[in-house]
Protein backbone atom coordinates (compact mmCIF):
# COMPACT_ATOMS: atom_id res chain seq x y z
CA UNK A 1 -7.83 17.43 -14.19
CA UNK A 2 -4.69 15.71 -12.85
CA UNK A 3 -2.44 17.11 -10.26
CA UNK A 4 0.93 15.42 -9.55
CA UNK A 5 1.59 15.65 -5.63
CA UNK A 6 5.00 13.79 -5.24
CA UNK A 7 7.59 12.61 -7.77
CA UNK A 8 9.94 9.64 -6.42
CA UNK A 9 13.63 10.70 -6.60
CA UNK A 10 15.01 7.35 -7.84
CA UNK A 11 12.18 6.34 -10.45
CA UNK A 12 9.37 7.69 -12.49
CA UNK A 13 6.90 6.75 -9.69
CA UNK A 14 4.59 9.48 -8.75
CA UNK A 15 1.52 10.22 -6.41
CA UNK A 16 -1.36 12.57 -7.75
CA UNK A 17 -5.01 13.09 -7.83
CA UNK A 18 -7.40 12.86 -10.81
CA UNK A 19 -10.34 15.22 -10.60
CA UNK A 20 -13.28 13.84 -12.51
CA UNK A 21 -16.92 14.66 -13.15
CA UNK A 22 -17.99 11.98 -10.46
CA UNK A 23 -15.15 12.47 -7.79
CA UNK A 24 -11.38 12.22 -7.40
CA UNK A 25 -9.21 9.29 -7.93
CA UNK A 26 -5.82 9.05 -5.75
CA UNK A 27 -3.08 7.69 -7.95
CA UNK A 28 -1.34 5.37 -8.59
CA UNK A 29 -4.64 3.32 -8.42
CA UNK A 30 -5.81 0.07 -9.61
CA UNK A 31 -9.21 -0.04 -11.55
CA UNK A 32 -11.42 -3.07 -10.98
CA UNK A 33 -13.39 -4.12 -13.94
CA UNK A 34 -17.22 -3.76 -14.04
CA UNK A 35 -17.28 -5.26 -17.61
CA UNK A 36 -21.07 -5.59 -18.23
CA UNK A 37 -22.15 -3.07 -15.50
CA UNK A 38 -21.11 -5.04 -12.52
CA UNK A 39 -17.73 -5.97 -10.62
CA UNK A 40 -18.41 -9.91 -10.86
CA UNK A 41 -20.14 -11.21 -7.56
CA UNK A 42 -20.03 -7.79 -5.89
CA UNK A 43 -22.50 -4.77 -5.81
CA UNK A 44 -21.16 -1.40 -5.78
CA UNK A 45 -21.31 -0.60 -2.06
CA UNK A 46 -18.96 -3.53 -1.60
CA UNK A 47 -16.53 -2.06 -4.12
CA UNK A 48 -16.82 1.37 -2.62
CA UNK A 49 -16.30 -0.01 0.95
CA UNK A 50 -12.95 -1.78 -0.13
CA UNK A 51 -11.67 1.69 -0.97
CA UNK A 52 -12.16 1.93 -4.82
CA UNK A 53 -12.80 5.17 -6.37
CA UNK A 54 -13.15 4.17 -9.94
CA UNK A 55 -14.28 1.19 -12.20
CA UNK A 56 -14.03 0.23 -15.85
CA UNK A 57 -17.00 -0.52 -18.11
CA UNK A 58 -16.64 -2.41 -21.29
CA UNK A 59 -17.97 -0.45 -24.26
CA UNK A 60 -17.90 -3.57 -26.62
CA UNK A 61 -20.12 -5.75 -24.26
CA UNK A 62 -22.44 -2.87 -23.26
CA UNK A 63 -22.76 -2.06 -27.02
CA UNK A 64 -24.14 -5.41 -27.65
CA UNK A 65 -26.23 -5.67 -24.55
CA UNK A 66 -28.22 -4.09 -23.09
CA UNK A 67 -27.21 -1.30 -25.56
CA UNK A 68 -26.27 2.38 -25.01
CA UNK A 69 -29.79 3.71 -25.62
CA UNK A 70 -31.16 1.82 -22.62
CA UNK A 71 -28.22 2.85 -20.43
CA UNK A 72 -28.55 6.43 -21.55
CA UNK A 73 -32.20 6.50 -20.49
CA UNK A 74 -31.13 5.60 -16.87
CA UNK A 75 -28.75 8.57 -16.92
CA UNK A 76 -25.49 6.73 -17.83
CA UNK A 77 -23.69 3.67 -16.64
CA UNK A 78 -23.12 4.89 -13.12
CA UNK A 79 -26.84 5.59 -12.43
CA UNK A 80 -27.78 2.36 -14.16
CA UNK A 81 -25.43 0.21 -12.09
CA UNK A 82 -25.81 2.27 -8.90
CA UNK A 83 -22.09 3.35 -8.86
CA UNK A 84 -21.83 6.98 -7.69
CA UNK A 85 -18.03 7.43 -8.35
CA UNK A 86 -15.89 7.84 -11.59
CA UNK A 87 -15.92 5.31 -14.46
CA UNK A 88 -13.62 5.01 -17.20
CA UNK A 89 -14.73 3.03 -20.42
CA UNK A 90 -12.67 1.40 -22.93
CA UNK A 91 -13.16 1.78 -26.63
CA UNK A 92 -14.22 -1.67 -27.61
CA UNK A 93 -11.14 -1.98 -29.83
CA UNK A 94 -9.51 -4.55 -27.61
CA UNK A 95 -12.47 -7.09 -27.56
CA UNK A 96 -13.17 -6.69 -31.49
CA UNK A 97 -9.51 -7.28 -32.45
CA UNK A 98 -9.12 -10.33 -30.10
CA UNK A 99 -11.80 -12.01 -31.84
CA UNK A 100 -9.96 -11.63 -35.36
CA UNK A 101 -6.23 -11.68 -34.39
CA UNK A 102 -6.40 -14.48 -31.80
CA UNK A 103 -4.49 -14.85 -28.55
CA UNK A 104 -4.27 -11.08 -28.02
CA UNK A 105 -5.14 -11.19 -24.48
CA UNK A 106 -2.32 -13.77 -23.70
CA UNK A 107 0.26 -11.84 -25.64
CA UNK A 108 -0.49 -8.45 -24.18
CA UNK A 109 -0.25 -10.01 -20.63
CA UNK A 110 3.02 -11.50 -21.42
CA UNK A 111 2.00 -15.02 -21.46
CA UNK A 112 3.56 -16.09 -24.75
CA UNK A 113 3.09 -16.29 -28.53
CA UNK A 114 -0.29 -18.15 -28.81
CA UNK A 115 -0.88 -17.57 -32.66
CA UNK A 116 -3.70 -16.73 -34.74
CA UNK A 117 -5.09 -20.21 -34.40
CA UNK A 118 -6.62 -19.65 -31.10
CA UNK A 119 -8.85 -16.67 -32.37
CA UNK A 120 -11.77 -16.76 -34.68
CA UNK A 121 -10.87 -14.78 -37.74
CA UNK A 122 -14.34 -15.19 -39.13
CA UNK A 123 -15.67 -12.95 -36.35
CA UNK A 124 -14.09 -9.87 -38.02
CA UNK A 125 -16.00 -9.35 -41.17
CA UNK A 126 -14.13 -6.36 -42.57
CA UNK A 127 -11.52 -3.70 -41.48
CA UNK A 128 -11.26 -0.45 -43.49
CA UNK A 129 -10.28 3.16 -42.77
CA UNK A 130 -14.05 3.61 -42.02
CA UNK A 131 -14.09 1.21 -39.05
CA UNK A 132 -14.52 -2.53 -38.42
CA UNK A 133 -17.29 -4.82 -39.13
CA UNK A 134 -17.78 -7.78 -36.92
CA UNK A 135 -20.25 -10.65 -35.91
CA UNK A 136 -21.85 -10.26 -32.40
CA UNK A 137 -21.25 -13.19 -30.03
CA UNK A 138 -24.74 -12.65 -28.95
CA UNK A 139 -26.86 -13.23 -31.81
CA UNK A 140 -24.53 -13.65 -34.73
CA UNK A 141 -25.83 -10.53 -36.21
CA UNK A 142 -23.38 -8.06 -38.19
CA UNK A 143 -22.25 -4.94 -36.13
CA UNK A 144 -20.16 -1.97 -37.22
CA UNK A 145 -17.74 0.12 -35.05
CA UNK A 146 -16.21 3.35 -36.26
CA UNK A 147 -14.21 5.77 -34.37
CA UNK A 148 -17.37 8.02 -34.06
CA UNK A 149 -19.54 5.00 -33.04
CA UNK A 150 -17.19 4.17 -30.06
CA UNK A 151 -17.34 7.91 -28.93
CA UNK A 152 -21.11 7.90 -29.34
CA UNK A 153 -21.56 4.83 -27.22
CA UNK A 154 -19.23 6.21 -24.55
CA UNK A 155 -21.14 9.55 -24.29
CA UNK A 156 -24.29 7.58 -23.89
CA UNK A 157 -22.64 5.87 -20.97
CA UNK A 158 -21.63 9.03 -19.46
CA UNK A 159 -18.20 7.86 -18.39
CA UNK A 160 -15.80 10.24 -16.73
CA UNK A 161 -12.82 9.03 -19.08
CA UNK A 162 -13.42 7.55 -22.70
CA UNK A 163 -10.80 5.98 -24.57
CA UNK A 164 -10.52 6.43 -28.38
CA UNK A 165 -10.89 3.51 -30.71
CA UNK A 166 -7.71 1.73 -31.75
CA UNK A 167 -6.59 -1.61 -33.54
CA UNK A 168 -5.02 -3.76 -30.81
CA UNK A 169 -2.39 -5.75 -32.65
CA UNK A 170 -0.85 -8.81 -31.26
CA UNK A 171 2.79 -9.96 -31.09
CA UNK A 172 2.72 -12.34 -34.02
CA UNK A 173 1.91 -9.80 -36.71
CA UNK A 174 4.67 -8.22 -38.78
CA UNK A 175 6.34 -4.89 -38.24
CA UNK A 176 4.83 -3.67 -41.50
CA UNK A 177 1.39 -4.46 -40.39
CA UNK A 178 1.98 -2.93 -36.86
CA UNK A 179 3.26 0.17 -38.47
CA UNK A 180 0.30 0.44 -40.71
CA UNK A 181 -2.05 -0.31 -37.96
CA UNK A 182 -0.49 2.29 -35.83
CA UNK A 183 -0.84 4.89 -38.28
CA UNK A 184 -4.64 4.10 -38.69
CA UNK A 185 -5.00 4.10 -35.10
CA UNK A 186 -3.46 7.79 -34.99
CA UNK A 187 -6.10 8.77 -37.77
CA UNK A 188 -8.82 7.22 -35.71
CA UNK A 189 -7.58 9.16 -32.79
CA UNK A 190 -8.22 12.48 -34.46
CA UNK A 191 -11.72 11.45 -35.72
CA UNK A 192 -12.52 10.39 -32.18
CA UNK A 193 -11.40 13.80 -30.79
CA UNK A 194 -13.30 15.54 -33.62
CA UNK A 195 -16.48 13.83 -32.67
CA UNK A 196 -16.05 14.51 -29.08
CA UNK A 197 -15.32 18.05 -29.60
CA UNK A 198 -18.67 18.46 -31.40
CA UNK A 199 -21.08 16.08 -29.60
CA UNK A 200 -19.16 14.72 -26.39
CA UNK A 201 -20.15 15.50 -22.93
CA UNK A 202 -18.19 18.56 -21.71
CA UNK A 203 -17.11 16.96 -18.43
CA UNK A 204 -15.99 13.59 -20.18
CA UNK A 205 -12.19 13.30 -20.55
CA UNK A 206 -10.78 11.55 -23.62
CA UNK A 207 -7.69 9.40 -23.63
CA UNK A 208 -5.51 8.53 -26.49
CA UNK A 209 -3.98 5.25 -26.86
CA UNK A 210 -0.33 4.42 -27.70
CA UNK A 211 0.30 1.51 -29.95
CA UNK A 212 3.41 0.39 -31.96
CA UNK A 213 3.68 -3.25 -30.80
CA UNK A 214 7.29 -4.42 -29.46
CA UNK A 215 9.03 -1.93 -31.87
CA UNK A 216 10.96 0.64 -29.87
CA UNK A 217 10.81 3.24 -32.61
CA UNK A 218 7.08 2.68 -33.39
CA UNK A 219 6.17 3.03 -29.64
CA UNK A 220 8.09 6.27 -29.30
CA UNK A 221 6.78 7.65 -32.62
CA UNK A 222 3.12 6.77 -31.49
CA UNK A 223 3.75 8.26 -27.95
CA UNK A 224 4.82 11.53 -29.57
CA UNK A 225 1.82 11.55 -31.93
CA UNK A 226 -0.57 10.97 -29.37
CA UNK A 227 1.08 13.59 -27.11
CA UNK A 228 0.72 16.09 -29.92
CA UNK A 229 -3.18 15.46 -29.85
CA UNK A 230 -5.81 17.11 -27.95
CA UNK A 231 -6.36 14.27 -25.64
CA UNK A 232 -6.52 14.65 -22.01
CA UNK A 233 -4.70 11.55 -20.88
CA UNK A 234 -2.78 8.77 -22.38
CA UNK A 235 -3.26 5.06 -22.36
CA UNK A 236 -0.74 2.47 -23.36
CA UNK A 237 -2.31 -0.41 -25.29
CA UNK A 238 -1.56 -3.32 -27.72
CA UNK A 239 0.91 -6.08 -27.39
CA UNK A 240 3.73 -5.49 -24.94
CA UNK A 241 5.88 -8.56 -25.61
CA UNK A 242 6.07 -12.26 -25.27
CA UNK A 243 7.13 -12.25 -21.71
CA UNK A 244 7.19 -10.01 -18.52
CA UNK A 245 10.74 -8.43 -19.14
CA UNK A 246 9.79 -7.36 -22.56
CA UNK A 247 6.51 -6.10 -21.46
CA UNK A 248 8.21 -3.84 -18.84
CA UNK A 249 10.65 -2.84 -21.49
CA UNK A 250 7.91 -1.52 -23.69
CA UNK A 251 6.26 0.25 -20.86
CA UNK A 252 9.64 1.86 -20.18
CA UNK A 253 9.99 2.98 -23.69
CA UNK A 254 6.67 4.57 -23.59
CA UNK A 255 6.68 6.29 -20.32
CA UNK A 256 10.26 7.40 -20.91
CA UNK A 257 8.96 9.17 -24.00
CA UNK A 258 5.95 10.58 -22.04
CA UNK A 259 8.19 11.96 -19.41
CA UNK A 260 10.03 13.88 -22.05
CA UNK A 261 7.28 15.10 -24.18
CA UNK A 262 4.10 15.23 -21.77
CA UNK A 263 5.16 14.75 -18.14
CA UNK A 264 1.84 16.19 -16.67
CA UNK A 265 -0.74 14.27 -18.36
CA UNK A 266 -2.12 11.03 -16.54
CA UNK A 267 -1.07 7.66 -17.87
CA UNK A 268 -3.20 4.48 -17.93
CA UNK A 269 -1.84 0.99 -18.57
CA UNK A 270 -4.50 -1.09 -20.22
CA UNK A 271 -5.23 -4.81 -19.08
CA UNK A 272 -2.20 -5.23 -16.70
CA UNK A 273 -2.70 -6.09 -13.07
CA UNK A 274 -0.38 -8.95 -11.82
CA UNK A 275 1.30 -7.96 -8.59
CA UNK A 276 4.71 -7.79 -9.94
CA UNK A 277 3.51 -5.79 -13.04
CA UNK A 278 1.91 -3.45 -10.68
CA UNK A 279 5.04 -2.83 -8.66
CA UNK A 280 7.15 -2.48 -11.65
CA UNK A 281 4.56 -0.26 -13.60
CA UNK A 282 4.19 2.24 -10.77
CA UNK A 283 8.19 2.63 -10.84
CA UNK A 284 7.76 3.28 -14.62
CA UNK A 285 5.30 6.22 -14.09
CA UNK A 286 1.83 4.60 -14.56
CA UNK A 287 -0.78 6.36 -12.84
CA UNK A 288 -3.84 3.84 -13.24
CA UNK A 289 -4.12 0.16 -14.14
CA UNK A 290 -7.12 -2.13 -14.98
CA UNK A 291 -7.15 -5.95 -15.17
CA UNK A 292 -9.55 -8.84 -14.74
CA UNK A 293 -7.03 -10.75 -12.95
CA UNK A 294 -8.15 -10.60 -9.21
CA UNK A 295 -11.79 -11.12 -10.05
CA UNK A 296 -11.14 -13.63 -12.59
CA UNK A 297 -8.70 -15.61 -10.15
CA UNK A 298 -11.51 -15.52 -7.49
CA UNK A 299 -13.87 -17.42 -9.91
CA UNK A 300 -11.47 -20.11 -10.22
CA UNK A 301 -10.67 -20.50 -6.36
CA UNK A 302 -7.45 -18.56 -6.57
CA UNK A 303 -6.50 -16.20 -3.64
CA UNK A 304 -3.87 -13.51 -3.89
CA UNK A 305 -1.42 -13.98 -1.18
CA UNK A 306 2.18 -12.56 -0.32
CA UNK A 307 3.99 -15.41 -2.05
CA UNK A 308 6.25 -14.18 -5.07
CA UNK A 309 7.59 -17.67 -5.73
CA UNK A 310 4.05 -18.68 -6.70
CA UNK A 311 3.15 -15.42 -8.55
CA UNK A 312 1.30 -14.18 -5.43
CA UNK A 313 -1.28 -16.98 -5.70
CA UNK A 314 -2.63 -19.92 -3.99
CA UNK A 315 -5.06 -22.24 -5.59
CA UNK A 316 -7.55 -23.26 -3.09
CA UNK A 317 -9.52 -25.53 -5.37
CA UNK A 318 -6.54 -27.93 -5.13
CA UNK A 319 -7.29 -31.20 -3.28
CA UNK A 320 -4.73 -30.42 -0.49
CA UNK A 321 -6.84 -27.72 0.92
CA UNK A 322 -9.99 -30.00 1.70
CA UNK A 323 -10.81 -29.63 5.24
CA UNK A 324 -8.34 -26.93 5.92
CA UNK A 325 -8.70 -24.88 8.91
CA UNK A 326 -6.22 -22.25 7.68
CA UNK A 327 -7.65 -18.74 7.04
CA UNK A 328 -7.57 -17.45 3.45
CA UNK A 329 -4.49 -15.14 4.63
CA UNK A 330 -3.14 -14.90 8.06
CA UNK A 331 -3.70 -11.57 9.42
CA UNK A 332 -5.73 -10.13 6.39
CA UNK A 333 -8.25 -7.56 7.23
CA UNK A 334 -10.55 -8.11 4.26
CA UNK A 335 -14.21 -8.92 4.90
CA UNK A 336 -13.80 -12.60 4.05
CA UNK A 337 -10.62 -13.26 6.21
CA UNK A 338 -12.12 -11.11 9.03
CA UNK A 339 -15.25 -13.10 9.13
CA UNK A 340 -13.22 -16.19 9.55
CA UNK A 341 -13.83 -18.08 6.39
CA UNK A 342 -11.22 -20.90 5.78
CA UNK A 343 -9.45 -22.25 2.89
CA UNK A 344 -11.26 -25.49 3.45
CA UNK A 345 -14.56 -23.76 3.00
CA UNK A 346 -13.40 -22.02 -0.11
CA UNK A 347 -12.15 -25.29 -1.42
CA UNK A 348 -15.52 -26.66 -0.86
CA UNK A 349 -17.48 -23.88 -2.35
CA UNK A 350 -15.23 -24.17 -5.39
CA UNK A 351 -16.13 -27.66 -6.04
CA UNK A 352 -19.79 -27.31 -4.97
CA UNK A 353 -20.39 -24.43 -7.50
CA UNK A 354 -21.48 -22.24 -4.66
CA UNK A 355 -21.23 -18.56 -5.67
CA UNK A 356 -20.41 -17.63 -2.07
CA UNK A 357 -16.80 -18.83 -2.75
CA UNK A 358 -15.99 -16.60 -5.62
CA UNK A 359 -17.66 -13.63 -3.77
CA UNK A 360 -15.32 -14.04 -0.61
CA UNK A 361 -12.24 -14.44 -2.86
CA UNK A 362 -13.17 -11.43 -4.99
CA UNK A 363 -13.48 -9.47 -1.59
CA UNK A 364 -10.16 -10.70 -0.61
CA UNK A 365 -8.19 -10.24 -3.81
CA UNK A 366 -9.50 -6.82 -4.55
CA UNK A 367 -8.92 -5.97 -0.68
CA UNK A 368 -5.21 -7.07 -1.13
CA UNK A 369 -4.48 -4.86 -4.37
CA UNK A 370 -6.29 -1.82 -2.92
CA UNK A 371 -4.12 -2.16 0.17
CA UNK A 372 -1.02 -2.54 -1.97
CA UNK A 373 -1.70 0.46 -3.95
CA UNK A 374 -2.33 2.56 -0.95
CA UNK A 375 1.05 1.38 0.69
CA UNK A 376 2.76 2.32 -2.80
CA UNK A 377 1.14 5.85 -2.67
CA UNK A 378 2.26 6.15 0.92
CA UNK A 379 5.65 5.02 0.17
CA UNK A 380 6.11 7.35 -2.88
CA UNK A 381 4.92 10.35 -0.68
CA UNK A 382 7.46 9.36 2.10
CA UNK A 383 10.21 8.72 -0.21
CA UNK A 384 10.79 5.26 0.55
CA UNK A 385 9.21 3.64 -2.66
CA UNK A 386 12.37 1.50 -3.51
CA UNK A 387 12.48 -0.01 -0.20
CA UNK A 388 8.75 -0.61 -0.18
CA UNK A 389 8.80 -2.57 -3.61
CA UNK A 390 11.74 -4.63 -2.54
CA UNK A 391 9.89 -5.63 0.52
CA UNK A 392 6.72 -6.45 -1.53
CA UNK A 393 8.99 -8.52 -4.10
CA UNK A 394 10.52 -10.36 -1.03
CA UNK A 395 7.04 -11.48 0.20
CA UNK A 396 5.82 -8.74 2.53
CA UNK A 397 2.09 -8.31 2.76
CA UNK A 398 0.22 -5.16 2.32
CA UNK A 399 -0.44 -3.00 5.51
CA UNK A 400 -3.52 -3.88 7.57
CA UNK A 401 -5.73 -0.87 7.32
């Protein structure tokens, strides 16, 4: 399933190829989100033309609407959304527990301790060893998700990679709760694998998920437990800390342990995709990433540009870009920049509510990240990874290709 081609001499960075039911994925790779069966504002041909080889579908949202039975009747999510290449589906755990714990998304992405007050604890109706009962955000009805439920949904979606159900704990819970939650996640892992062994598609790969919060010993213990299981790959989930240095440290603990106990299996980092996090994550040995960042920024008028001091972002919705004749990014070969669209036009579209603006910025942002990942793969293969990362951290732009 996974063939490692090159290992960097001065880091854990590596290139490889994932061979999946619907095609191959060259790694390290970024995976755009097709949350509800679409990469927002784009159609599959756009995504494929940008060079992407895999997208991520959201089990939780597709469970609630349109439902796995309908998608199964089409032959799976790929056939339903007309995407011919590989798909990875998450388990639904992150979305369910975000509703109850509160602020999980911010904490996982290193944006600070937001506290439980931001969540809606009433959305989770009950958490037991069997699974979790929650209230649907669509109709308010009660739903139930067990490890077996998550696997059955993902089997109906016919994804190439399915993730096991886990409890995604945030930063603000206690160490004792994190330990107990992680142990339950490990028990759910075995139930997912048991169900999949009996009922799952033969060509679907199952990834286990490492939890353990920000506790080094719990992270290493979880890594070793997941590595001993029958899973085909390993994802890193849960809260990674209250800031970027801590997040990078937690990933470092995990990939160091993976390098020791299961160096050949593919590794996926869940929900992380800022430019600096991609650069650091590849060096720590991550093979695939997913994140809503590039498409979400686009919907708010924000373009990704080579400007580390401003987190690689420029907000074109700001008033200073009204009437600007500048291109979105000088020298960028993406469809939006190549067609000559200006920052002034994007500013206008953002304020007028025209959907063309988010579409153009989505094309630009995803093109930027795809070219960045291609450059990183090339740098690892050529033995110049450290120099390439240093250049990007200093503000170099991805190659024009």
